[in-house]
Amino acid sequence: MTASERAAQLVRIAAEAAGDKLADDILAYDVSEQLVITDAFLLCSAPSDRQVRAIVDEVEKRLREEADARPVRREGEREGRWILLDYADIIVHIQHEEDRMFYALERLWKDCPVLELPESVTAPQSRAVGSPSD
């Protein structure tokens, strides 16, 4: 079994939303073979608690507007370092980059198929102000 079309749609929307808020290392895994509770995980990180929250807000907004999806559960909001958004079909993990390195969820799910993300999310971006591409 593989991730459903609905899960793939939600992953794409959430990944684009996270990318729009400059999330780092955006990855998605098809975990449908290993877990019965969800089809896919989306992982991303940010260098500050404030940016983690901004990514969360954008992901929720876009999933609500574009897919009529609302999280069935949210965790970690108080600390703002690792916020989990559970949409049943997908689970979005938005982590502070230090927590991402420490917990290394990629290690746990490395045997799962990686879901393809839009090029706008995976293309390297220069974020430095005044860079030659500006």
C-alpha atoms as a PDB file:
ATOM      1  CA  MET A   1       0.000   0.000   0.000  1.00  0.00           C
ATOM      2  CA  THR A   2       1.182   3.538  -0.687  1.00  0.00           C
ATOM      3  CA  ALA A   3       0.155   6.959   0.521  1.00  0.00           C
ATOM      4  CA  SER A   4      -3.283   8.017  -0.717  1.00  0.00           C
ATOM      5  CA  GLU A   5      -3.862  10.741  -3.303  1.00  0.00           C
ATOM      6  CA  ARG A   6      -5.323  12.885  -0.517  1.00  0.00           C
ATOM      7  CA  ALA A   7      -2.140  12.461   1.547  1.00  0.00           C
ATOM      8  CA  ALA A   8       0.014  13.379  -1.466  1.00  0.00           C
ATOM      9  CA  GLN A   9      -2.101  16.500  -2.041  1.00  0.00           C
ATOM     10  CA  LEU A  10      -1.825  17.570   1.611  1.00  0.00           C
ATOM     11  CA  VAL A  11       1.941  16.948   1.624  1.00  0.00           C
ATOM     12  CA  ARG A  12       2.386  19.088  -1.488  1.00  0.00           C
ATOM     13  CA  ILE A  13       0.345  21.982  -0.067  1.00  0.00           C
ATOM     14  CA  ALA A  14       2.035  21.813   3.346  1.00  0.00           C
ATOM     15  CA  ALA A  15       5.512  21.607   1.780  1.00  0.00           C
ATOM     16  CA  GLU A  16       4.852  24.641  -0.413  1.00  0.00           C
ATOM     17  CA  ALA A  17       3.502  26.583   2.579  1.00  0.00           C
ATOM     18  CA  ALA A  18       6.568  25.687   4.661  1.00  0.00           C
ATOM     19  CA  GLY A  19       8.844  26.646   1.772  1.00  0.00           C
ATOM     20  CA  ASP A  20       7.107  29.998   1.438  1.00  0.00           C
ATOM     21  CA  LYS A  21       8.044  30.707   5.069  1.00  0.00           C
ATOM     22  CA  LEU A  22      11.657  29.660   4.401  1.00  0.00           C
ATOM     23  CA  ALA A  23      11.601  26.304   6.190  1.00  0.00           C
ATOM     24  CA  ASP A  24      14.804  24.295   5.858  1.00  0.00           C
ATOM     25  CA  ASP A  25      15.357  20.652   4.860  1.00  0.00           C
ATOM     26  CA  ILE A  26      11.784  19.891   3.807  1.00  0.00           C
ATOM     27  CA  LEU A  27      11.328  16.130   3.392  1.00  0.00           C
ATOM     28  CA  ALA A  28       8.315  13.850   3.096  1.00  0.00           C
ATOM     29  CA  TYR A  29       8.106  10.117   3.738  1.00  0.00           C
ATOM     30  CA  ASP A  30       5.450   7.585   2.814  1.00  0.00           C
ATOM     31  CA  VAL A  31       4.968   5.779   6.126  1.00  0.00           C
ATOM     32  CA  SER A  32       1.761   3.961   5.133  1.00  0.00           C
ATOM     33  CA  GLU A  33       3.479   0.546   5.157  1.00  0.00           C
ATOM     34  CA  GLN A  34       4.828   1.034   8.701  1.00  0.00           C
ATOM     35  CA  LEU A  35       2.008   2.918  10.420  1.00  0.00           C
ATOM     36  CA  VAL A  36      -1.749   2.528  10.430  1.00  0.00           C
ATOM     37  CA  ILE A  37      -2.389   5.983  11.893  1.00  0.00           C
ATOM     38  CA  THR A  38      -1.186   8.044   8.911  1.00  0.00           C
ATOM     39  CA  ASP A  39       0.053   7.823   5.342  1.00  0.00           C
ATOM     40  CA  ALA A  40       2.849  10.388   5.311  1.00  0.00           C
ATOM     41  CA  PHE A  41       5.187  12.482   7.407  1.00  0.00           C
ATOM     42  CA  LEU A  42       6.364  15.924   6.347  1.00  0.00           C
ATOM     43  CA  LEU A  43       9.482  17.149   8.143  1.00  0.00           C
ATOM     44  CA  CYS A  44      10.937  20.641   8.103  1.00  0.00           C
ATOM     45  CA  SER A  45      12.932  22.909  10.374  1.00  0.00           C
ATOM     46  CA  ALA A  46      13.686  26.536  11.149  1.00  0.00           C
ATOM     47  CA  PRO A  47      16.455  28.357  13.045  1.00  0.00           C
ATOM     48  CA  SER A  48      14.167  30.073  15.593  1.00  0.00           C
ATOM     49  CA  ASP A  49      11.038  29.433  17.642  1.00  0.00           C
ATOM     50  CA  ARG A  50       9.411  32.432  16.002  1.00  0.00           C
ATOM     51  CA  GLN A  51       9.981  31.039  12.524  1.00  0.00           C
ATOM     52  CA  VAL A  52       8.718  27.606  13.611  1.00  0.00           C
ATOM     53  CA  ARG A  53       5.445  29.274  14.627  1.00  0.00           C
ATOM     54  CA  ALA A  54       5.261  31.253  11.372  1.00  0.00           C
ATOM     55  CA  ILE A  55       5.635  28.031   9.393  1.00  0.00           C
ATOM     56  CA  VAL A  56       2.922  26.365  11.475  1.00  0.00           C
ATOM     57  CA  ASP A  57       0.553  29.272  10.860  1.00  0.00           C
ATOM     58  CA  GLU A  58       1.161  29.202   7.102  1.00  0.00           C
ATOM     59  CA  VAL A  59       0.789  25.420   6.829  1.00  0.00           C
ATOM     60  CA  GLU A  60      -2.504  25.514   8.731  1.00  0.00           C
ATOM     61  CA  LYS A  61      -3.806  28.451   6.696  1.00  0.00           C
ATOM     62  CA  ARG A  62      -2.967  26.927   3.319  1.00  0.00           C
ATOM     63  CA  LEU A  63      -4.279  23.457   4.169  1.00  0.00           C
ATOM     64  CA  ARG A  64      -7.516  25.003   5.413  1.00  0.00           C
ATOM     65  CA  GLU A  65      -7.934  27.242   2.355  1.00  0.00           C
ATOM     66  CA  GLU A  66      -6.720  24.907  -0.387  1.00  0.00           C
ATOM     67  CA  ALA A  67      -7.797  21.489   0.898  1.00  0.00           C
ATOM     68  CA  ASP A  68     -10.462  22.229   3.525  1.00  0.00           C
ATOM     69  CA  ALA A  69      -8.252  20.383   6.023  1.00  0.00           C
ATOM     70  CA  ARG A  70      -7.950  21.116   9.712  1.00  0.00           C
ATOM     71  CA  PRO A  71      -5.640  19.383  12.173  1.00  0.00           C
ATOM     72  CA  VAL A  72      -7.275  16.787  14.382  1.00  0.00           C
ATOM     73  CA  ARG A  73      -4.502  17.326  16.919  1.00  0.00           C
ATOM     74  CA  ARG A  74      -1.692  19.797  17.642  1.00  0.00           C
ATOM     75  CA  GLU A  75       1.192  19.226  19.998  1.00  0.00           C
ATOM     76  CA  GLY A  76       4.182  21.232  21.195  1.00  0.00           C
ATOM     77  CA  GLU A  77       2.726  24.673  20.683  1.00  0.00           C
ATOM     78  CA  ARG A  78       3.642  25.995  24.117  1.00  0.00           C
ATOM     79  CA  GLU A  79       7.374  25.446  23.683  1.00  0.00           C
ATOM     80  CA  GLY A  80       7.410  26.286  19.974  1.00  0.00           C
ATOM     81  CA  ARG A  81      10.433  24.107  19.259  1.00  0.00           C
ATOM     82  CA  TRP A  82       8.746  21.053  17.802  1.00  0.00           C
ATOM     83  CA  ILE A  83       5.165  21.446  16.709  1.00  0.00           C
ATOM     84  CA  LEU A  84       3.289  18.460  15.383  1.00  0.00           C
ATOM     85  CA  LEU A  85       0.192  18.965  13.233  1.00  0.00           C
ATOM     86  CA  ASP A  86      -1.864  15.782  12.818  1.00  0.00           C
ATOM     87  CA  TYR A  87      -4.178  15.829   9.802  1.00  0.00           C
ATOM     88  CA  ALA A  88      -4.908  12.066  10.013  1.00  0.00           C
ATOM     89  CA  ASP A  89      -3.743  11.510   6.395  1.00  0.00           C
ATOM     90  CA  ILE A  90      -0.446  13.271   7.102  1.00  0.00           C
ATOM     91  CA  ILE A  91       1.501  14.412  10.127  1.00  0.00           C
ATOM     92  CA  VAL A  92       3.586  17.568   9.803  1.00  0.00           C
ATOM     93  CA  HIS A  93       6.635  17.942  12.056  1.00  0.00           C
ATOM     94  CA  ILE A  94       7.990  21.489  12.257  1.00  0.00           C
ATOM     95  CA  GLN A  95      11.117  21.535  14.396  1.00  0.00           C
ATOM     96  CA  HIS A  96      13.673  24.010  15.630  1.00  0.00           C
ATOM     97  CA  GLU A  97      16.844  23.040  13.767  1.00  0.00           C
ATOM     98  CA  GLU A  98      18.611  21.998  17.023  1.00  0.00           C
ATOM     99  CA  ASP A  99      15.778  19.592  17.858  1.00  0.00           C
ATOM    100  CA  ARG A 100      15.751  18.309  14.287  1.00  0.00           C
ATOM    101  CA  MET A 101      19.431  17.418  14.540  1.00  0.00           C
ATOM    102  CA  PHE A 102      19.032  15.867  17.992  1.00  0.00           C
ATOM    103  CA  TYR A 103      15.962  13.709  17.262  1.00  0.00           C
ATOM    104  CA  ALA A 104      16.943  12.930  13.635  1.00  0.00           C
ATOM    105  CA  LEU A 105      13.570  11.601  12.531  1.00  0.00           C
ATOM    106  CA  GLU A 106      15.115  10.942   9.118  1.00  0.00           C
ATOM    107  CA  ARG A 107      17.117   8.133  10.739  1.00  0.00           C
ATOM    108  CA  LEU A 108      13.946   6.494  12.017  1.00  0.00           C
ATOM    109  CA  TRP A 109      12.153   6.613   8.677  1.00  0.00           C
ATOM    110  CA  LYS A 110      15.105   6.135   6.301  1.00  0.00           C
ATOM    111  CA  ASP A 111      13.693   2.836   5.008  1.00  0.00           C
ATOM    112  CA  CYS A 112      10.423   4.476   3.964  1.00  0.00           C
ATOM    113  CA  PRO A 113       9.942   5.775   0.433  1.00  0.00           C
ATOM    114  CA  VAL A 114      10.591   9.491   0.040  1.00  0.00           C
ATOM    115  CA  LEU A 115       7.661  11.394  -1.447  1.00  0.00           C
ATOM    116  CA  GLU A 116       8.470  13.707  -4.310  1.00  0.00           C
ATOM    117  CA  LEU A 117       7.979  17.377  -3.482  1.00  0.00           C
ATOM    118  CA  PRO A 118       7.447  20.289  -5.867  1.00  0.00           C
ATOM    119  CA  GLU A 119      10.648  21.721  -7.346  1.00  0.00           C
ATOM    120  CA  SER A 120       9.844  25.095  -5.775  1.00  0.00           C
ATOM    121  CA  VAL A 121      10.354  23.425  -2.391  1.00  0.00           C
ATOM    122  CA  THR A 122      13.410  21.344  -3.176  1.00  0.00           C
ATOM    123  CA  ALA A 123      15.381  23.823  -5.328  1.00  0.00           C
ATOM    124  CA  PRO A 124      18.277  25.399  -3.428  1.00  0.00           C
ATOM    125  CA  GLN A 125      17.558  28.990  -2.494  1.00  0.00           C
ATOM    126  CA  SER A 126      19.932  31.759  -1.624  1.00  0.00           C
ATOM    127  CA  ARG A 127      18.486  33.606   1.333  1.00  0.00           C
ATOM    128  CA  ALA A 128      21.342  35.987   1.935  1.00  0.00           C
ATOM    129  CA  VAL A 129      20.367  39.609   1.518  1.00  0.00           C
ATOM    130  CA  GLY A 130      22.373  41.262  -1.214  1.00  0.00           C
ATOM    131  CA  SER A 131      23.391  37.982  -2.842  1.00  0.00           C
ATOM    132  CA  PRO A 132      24.215  38.044  -6.558  1.00  0.00           C
ATOM    133  CA  SER A 133      20.787  36.585  -7.416  1.00  0.00           C
ATOM    134  CA  ASP A 134      18.994  39.615  -5.866  1.00  0.00           C
END
